[in-house]
């Protein structure tokens, strides 16, 4: 299949599910550029995600996130896009992802997510909170939204990122006609 016909591939899921780690690996296998929306937002705002949350609040961050998604998903060249965990909270984002990309939901069990991100100081939603409680709440709020837009789901709990990216690439080869050329 020619490169122009390959859609964007968007990785969605909770923080710690592996989006930012698997994304570049998958992009390399697909011979596509990788974009991490959190990095795009931080670069455009000139501040870290945590500082944006602190100074401007979550709504302002979600506004930045929506603009970054619109900007990157309008790119003609296919991209592998690592999204932020809350990208699915806005209907417009879900519609855009579903319409313009092949959406992959990277899932992981709550205990794995807590092990991976714990009380990481750069995770504003976890700041001064019990990570286990936060992930249970986020899962209640977001799991059905991830499922609503996912073209493919994969559990990353007990799998190395390189293996996840290879499994995804194998699945995409058959679904989207990708090859190793």
C-alpha atoms as a PDB file:
ATOM      1  CA  UNK A   1       0.000   0.000   0.000  1.00  0.00           C
ATOM      2  CA  UNK A   2       1.350   3.441  -0.789  1.00  0.00           C
ATOM      3  CA  UNK A   3       2.321   5.628   2.142  1.00  0.00           C
ATOM      4  CA  UNK A   4      -0.318   8.258   1.269  1.00  0.00           C
ATOM      5  CA  UNK A   5      -3.103   5.747   1.920  1.00  0.00           C
ATOM      6  CA  UNK A   6      -1.916   4.777   5.386  1.00  0.00           C
ATOM      7  CA  UNK A   7      -3.971   6.616   8.004  1.00  0.00           C
ATOM      8  CA  UNK A   8      -2.524   8.154  11.111  1.00  0.00           C
ATOM      9  CA  UNK A   9      -2.231   5.719  14.002  1.00  0.00           C
ATOM     10  CA  UNK A  10      -3.268   7.201  17.349  1.00  0.00           C
ATOM     11  CA  UNK A  11      -2.363   5.583  20.654  1.00  0.00           C
ATOM     12  CA  UNK A  12      -4.812   6.230  23.474  1.00  0.00           C
ATOM     13  CA  UNK A  13      -4.958   4.984  27.052  1.00  0.00           C
ATOM     14  CA  UNK A  14      -4.224   5.951  30.623  1.00  0.00           C
ATOM     15  CA  UNK A  15      -0.963   7.557  31.667  1.00  0.00           C
ATOM     16  CA  UNK A  16       1.520   4.770  32.127  1.00  0.00           C
ATOM     17  CA  UNK A  17      -0.060   2.484  29.532  1.00  0.00           C
ATOM     18  CA  UNK A  18       2.955   2.891  27.252  1.00  0.00           C
ATOM     19  CA  UNK A  19       1.851   5.415  24.634  1.00  0.00           C
ATOM     20  CA  UNK A  20       4.996   7.561  24.733  1.00  0.00           C
ATOM     21  CA  UNK A  21       7.294   4.520  24.806  1.00  0.00           C
ATOM     22  CA  UNK A  22       5.522   2.349  22.222  1.00  0.00           C
ATOM     23  CA  UNK A  23       4.797   5.270  19.849  1.00  0.00           C
ATOM     24  CA  UNK A  24       8.357   5.880  18.609  1.00  0.00           C
ATOM     25  CA  UNK A  25       8.989   2.132  18.313  1.00  0.00           C
ATOM     26  CA  UNK A  26       5.843   1.651  16.238  1.00  0.00           C
ATOM     27  CA  UNK A  27       6.655   4.708  14.115  1.00  0.00           C
ATOM     28  CA  UNK A  28      10.053   3.232  13.306  1.00  0.00           C
ATOM     29  CA  UNK A  29       8.510  -0.091  12.273  1.00  0.00           C
ATOM     30  CA  UNK A  30       5.925   1.714  10.126  1.00  0.00           C
ATOM     31  CA  UNK A  31       8.555   4.089   8.713  1.00  0.00           C
ATOM     32  CA  UNK A  32       6.403   7.010   9.891  1.00  0.00           C
ATOM     33  CA  UNK A  33       7.195   9.963  12.097  1.00  0.00           C
ATOM     34  CA  UNK A  34       6.062   9.824  15.718  1.00  0.00           C
ATOM     35  CA  UNK A  35       4.494  12.750  17.550  1.00  0.00           C
ATOM     36  CA  UNK A  36       3.866  12.894  21.295  1.00  0.00           C
ATOM     37  CA  UNK A  37       1.107  15.450  21.890  1.00  0.00           C
ATOM     38  CA  UNK A  38       2.320  16.211  25.422  1.00  0.00           C
ATOM     39  CA  UNK A  39       5.727  17.168  23.990  1.00  0.00           C
ATOM     40  CA  UNK A  40       4.061  19.287  21.291  1.00  0.00           C
ATOM     41  CA  UNK A  41       1.963  21.089  23.918  1.00  0.00           C
ATOM     42  CA  UNK A  42       4.929  21.687  26.234  1.00  0.00           C
ATOM     43  CA  UNK A  43       7.020  23.035  23.351  1.00  0.00           C
ATOM     44  CA  UNK A  44       4.251  25.312  22.081  1.00  0.00           C
ATOM     45  CA  UNK A  45       3.438  26.615  25.561  1.00  0.00           C
ATOM     46  CA  UNK A  46       7.074  26.912  26.591  1.00  0.00           C
ATOM     47  CA  UNK A  47       6.294  25.120  29.879  1.00  0.00           C
ATOM     48  CA  UNK A  48       5.908  21.601  31.179  1.00  0.00           C
ATOM     49  CA  UNK A  49       2.509  19.940  31.387  1.00  0.00           C
ATOM     50  CA  UNK A  50       2.659  20.184  35.192  1.00  0.00           C
ATOM     51  CA  UNK A  51       3.300  23.935  35.045  1.00  0.00           C
ATOM     52  CA  UNK A  52       0.442  24.425  32.556  1.00  0.00           C
ATOM     53  CA  UNK A  53      -1.909  22.580  34.935  1.00  0.00           C
ATOM     54  CA  UNK A  54      -0.634  24.618  37.888  1.00  0.00           C
ATOM     55  CA  UNK A  55      -0.733  28.036  36.225  1.00  0.00           C
ATOM     56  CA  UNK A  56      -3.720  27.723  33.917  1.00  0.00           C
ATOM     57  CA  UNK A  57      -5.686  24.684  35.087  1.00  0.00           C
ATOM     58  CA  UNK A  58      -6.851  21.504  33.433  1.00  0.00           C
ATOM     59  CA  UNK A  59      -9.328  23.225  31.094  1.00  0.00           C
ATOM     60  CA  UNK A  60      -6.577  25.372  29.567  1.00  0.00           C
ATOM     61  CA  UNK A  61      -4.418  22.277  29.152  1.00  0.00           C
ATOM     62  CA  UNK A  62      -7.295  20.465  27.406  1.00  0.00           C
ATOM     63  CA  UNK A  63      -7.657  23.492  25.088  1.00  0.00           C
ATOM     64  CA  UNK A  64      -3.948  23.231  24.174  1.00  0.00           C
ATOM     65  CA  UNK A  65      -4.384  19.491  23.714  1.00  0.00           C
ATOM     66  CA  UNK A  66      -7.323  19.897  21.333  1.00  0.00           C
ATOM     67  CA  UNK A  67      -5.401  22.450  19.231  1.00  0.00           C
ATOM     68  CA  UNK A  68      -2.318  20.209  19.110  1.00  0.00           C
ATOM     69  CA  UNK A  69      -4.423  17.229  17.996  1.00  0.00           C
ATOM     70  CA  UNK A  70      -6.140  19.255  15.257  1.00  0.00           C
ATOM     71  CA  UNK A  71      -2.785  20.544  14.051  1.00  0.00           C
ATOM     72  CA  UNK A  72      -1.049  17.164  13.905  1.00  0.00           C
ATOM     73  CA  UNK A  73      -3.940  15.110  12.599  1.00  0.00           C
ATOM     74  CA  UNK A  74      -4.314  17.487   9.640  1.00  0.00           C
ATOM     75  CA  UNK A  75      -0.777  16.488   8.538  1.00  0.00           C
ATOM     76  CA  UNK A  76      -0.817  14.789   5.134  1.00  0.00           C
ATOM     77  CA  UNK A  77       2.007  12.383   5.953  1.00  0.00           C
ATOM     78  CA  UNK A  78       0.906   9.493   8.170  1.00  0.00           C
ATOM     79  CA  UNK A  79       1.971   9.850  11.792  1.00  0.00           C
ATOM     80  CA  UNK A  80       2.004   7.689  14.870  1.00  0.00           C
ATOM     81  CA  UNK A  81       0.468   9.965  17.510  1.00  0.00           C
ATOM     82  CA  UNK A  82       0.875   9.365  21.245  1.00  0.00           C
ATOM     83  CA  UNK A  83      -1.991  11.189  22.932  1.00  0.00           C
ATOM     84  CA  UNK A  84      -2.459  12.241  26.526  1.00  0.00           C
ATOM     85  CA  UNK A  85      -4.656  10.060  28.705  1.00  0.00           C
ATOM     86  CA  UNK A  86      -7.443  12.639  28.869  1.00  0.00           C
ATOM     87  CA  UNK A  87      -7.690  13.282  25.121  1.00  0.00           C
ATOM     88  CA  UNK A  88     -10.925  11.255  25.062  1.00  0.00           C
ATOM     89  CA  UNK A  89     -12.717  13.536  27.505  1.00  0.00           C
ATOM     90  CA  UNK A  90     -13.754  15.932  24.740  1.00  0.00           C
ATOM     91  CA  UNK A  91     -16.267  14.747  22.167  1.00  0.00           C
ATOM     92  CA  UNK A  92     -14.543  16.754  19.418  1.00  0.00           C
ATOM     93  CA  UNK A  93     -11.272  14.922  20.064  1.00  0.00           C
ATOM     94  CA  UNK A  94     -12.940  11.511  20.005  1.00  0.00           C
ATOM     95  CA  UNK A  95     -14.700  12.340  16.742  1.00  0.00           C
ATOM     96  CA  UNK A  96     -11.488  13.631  15.146  1.00  0.00           C
ATOM     97  CA  UNK A  97      -9.459  10.617  16.258  1.00  0.00           C
ATOM     98  CA  UNK A  98     -12.106   8.187  15.013  1.00  0.00           C
ATOM     99  CA  UNK A  99     -12.495   9.964  11.681  1.00  0.00           C
ATOM    100  CA  UNK A 100      -8.839  10.661  10.866  1.00  0.00           C
ATOM    101  CA  UNK A 101      -6.853   7.822  12.426  1.00  0.00           C
ATOM    102  CA  UNK A 102      -6.645   4.164  13.279  1.00  0.00           C
ATOM    103  CA  UNK A 103      -7.053   4.241  17.061  1.00  0.00           C
ATOM    104  CA  UNK A 104      -5.235   1.772  19.287  1.00  0.00           C
ATOM    105  CA  UNK A 105      -6.151   1.565  22.972  1.00  0.00           C
ATOM    106  CA  UNK A 106      -3.173   0.562  25.076  1.00  0.00           C
ATOM    107  CA  UNK A 107      -4.632  -0.951  28.236  1.00  0.00           C
ATOM    108  CA  UNK A 108      -2.899  -1.943  31.439  1.00  0.00           C
ATOM    109  CA  UNK A 109      -4.262  -3.126  34.762  1.00  0.00           C
ATOM    110  CA  UNK A 110      -4.442  -0.589  37.577  1.00  0.00           C
ATOM    111  CA  UNK A 111      -1.641  -2.154  39.598  1.00  0.00           C
ATOM    112  CA  UNK A 112       0.697  -1.977  36.590  1.00  0.00           C
ATOM    113  CA  UNK A 113      -0.181   1.674  35.966  1.00  0.00           C
ATOM    114  CA  UNK A 114       0.553   2.517  39.605  1.00  0.00           C
ATOM    115  CA  UNK A 115       3.911   0.699  39.399  1.00  0.00           C
ATOM    116  CA  UNK A 116       4.826   2.552  36.214  1.00  0.00           C
ATOM    117  CA  UNK A 117       3.929   6.091  37.268  1.00  0.00           C
ATOM    118  CA  UNK A 118       3.333   5.936  41.028  1.00  0.00           C
ATOM    119  CA  UNK A 119       3.656   9.379  42.596  1.00  0.00           C
ATOM    120  CA  UNK A 120       5.612  10.830  39.692  1.00  0.00           C
ATOM    121  CA  UNK A 121       5.980  14.578  40.338  1.00  0.00           C
ATOM    122  CA  UNK A 122       5.423  15.425  36.658  1.00  0.00           C
ATOM    123  CA  UNK A 123       1.959  13.821  36.618  1.00  0.00           C
ATOM    124  CA  UNK A 124      -0.417  16.622  37.648  1.00  0.00           C
ATOM    125  CA  UNK A 125      -3.453  14.364  38.087  1.00  0.00           C
ATOM    126  CA  UNK A 126      -1.543  12.338  40.685  1.00  0.00           C
ATOM    127  CA  UNK A 127      -0.206  15.286  42.666  1.00  0.00           C
ATOM    128  CA  UNK A 128      -0.715  14.685  46.403  1.00  0.00           C
ATOM    129  CA  UNK A 129      -3.252  11.911  45.746  1.00  0.00           C
ATOM    130  CA  UNK A 130      -3.339   8.144  46.150  1.00  0.00           C
ATOM    131  CA  UNK A 131      -2.372   6.806  42.681  1.00  0.00           C
ATOM    132  CA  UNK A 132      -4.469   3.667  43.093  1.00  0.00           C
ATOM    133  CA  UNK A 133      -7.618   5.720  43.796  1.00  0.00           C
ATOM    134  CA  UNK A 134      -6.840   8.097  40.923  1.00  0.00           C
ATOM    135  CA  UNK A 135      -6.471   5.246  38.435  1.00  0.00           C
ATOM    136  CA  UNK A 136      -9.683   3.564  39.595  1.00  0.00           C
ATOM    137  CA  UNK A 137     -11.533   6.860  39.099  1.00  0.00           C
ATOM    138  CA  UNK A 138      -9.911   7.562  35.736  1.00  0.00           C
ATOM    139  CA  UNK A 139     -10.787   4.073  34.573  1.00  0.00           C
ATOM    140  CA  UNK A 140     -14.436   4.586  35.547  1.00  0.00           C
ATOM    141  CA  UNK A 141     -14.494   7.909  33.672  1.00  0.00           C
ATOM    142  CA  UNK A 142     -12.487   6.991  30.583  1.00  0.00           C
ATOM    143  CA  UNK A 143     -12.483   3.245  29.832  1.00  0.00           C
ATOM    144  CA  UNK A 144     -15.787   3.369  27.952  1.00  0.00           C
ATOM    145  CA  UNK A 145     -14.532   6.392  25.963  1.00  0.00           C
ATOM    146  CA  UNK A 146     -11.350   4.583  24.916  1.00  0.00           C
ATOM    147  CA  UNK A 147     -13.432   1.572  23.959  1.00  0.00           C
ATOM    148  CA  UNK A 148     -15.856   3.752  21.978  1.00  0.00           C
ATOM    149  CA  UNK A 149     -13.148   4.953  19.589  1.00  0.00           C
ATOM    150  CA  UNK A 150     -10.701   2.029  19.578  1.00  0.00           C
ATOM    151  CA  UNK A 151     -10.153   0.111  16.356  1.00  0.00           C
ATOM    152  CA  UNK A 152      -7.815  -2.193  18.240  1.00  0.00           C
ATOM    153  CA  UNK A 153      -7.075  -2.892  21.920  1.00  0.00           C
ATOM    154  CA  UNK A 154      -3.953  -4.410  23.431  1.00  0.00           C
ATOM    155  CA  UNK A 155      -3.065  -5.113  27.053  1.00  0.00           C
ATOM    156  CA  UNK A 156       0.448  -3.831  27.804  1.00  0.00           C
ATOM    157  CA  UNK A 157       0.519  -4.960  31.456  1.00  0.00           C
ATOM    158  CA  UNK A 158       3.052  -7.766  31.202  1.00  0.00           C
ATOM    159  CA  UNK A 159       4.608  -7.062  27.823  1.00  0.00           C
ATOM    160  CA  UNK A 160       7.799  -5.220  26.941  1.00  0.00           C
ATOM    161  CA  UNK A 161       7.291  -2.080  24.785  1.00  0.00           C
ATOM    162  CA  UNK A 162       9.297  -3.563  21.898  1.00  0.00           C
ATOM    163  CA  UNK A 163       7.027  -6.626  21.896  1.00  0.00           C
ATOM    164  CA  UNK A 164       3.910  -4.439  22.051  1.00  0.00           C
ATOM    165  CA  UNK A 165       5.099  -2.400  19.063  1.00  0.00           C
ATOM    166  CA  UNK A 166       5.897  -5.558  17.081  1.00  0.00           C
ATOM    167  CA  UNK A 167       2.477  -7.089  17.855  1.00  0.00           C
ATOM    168  CA  UNK A 168       0.777  -3.851  16.822  1.00  0.00           C
ATOM    169  CA  UNK A 169       2.808  -3.649  13.621  1.00  0.00           C
ATOM    170  CA  UNK A 170       1.906  -7.238  12.739  1.00  0.00           C
ATOM    171  CA  UNK A 171      -1.761  -6.468  13.319  1.00  0.00           C
ATOM    172  CA  UNK A 172      -1.563  -3.233  11.310  1.00  0.00           C
ATOM    173  CA  UNK A 173       0.160  -5.031   8.418  1.00  0.00           C
ATOM    174  CA  UNK A 174      -2.868  -7.223   7.913  1.00  0.00           C
ATOM    175  CA  UNK A 175      -5.486  -4.581   8.704  1.00  0.00           C
ATOM    176  CA  UNK A 176      -3.958  -1.681   6.767  1.00  0.00           C
ATOM    177  CA  UNK A 177      -1.815  -3.432   4.201  1.00  0.00           C
ATOM    178  CA  UNK A 178       1.513  -2.317   5.646  1.00  0.00           C
ATOM    179  CA  UNK A 179       4.701  -4.064   4.685  1.00  0.00           C
ATOM    180  CA  UNK A 180       8.389  -3.956   5.620  1.00  0.00           C
ATOM    181  CA  UNK A 181       9.576  -2.360   2.365  1.00  0.00           C
END
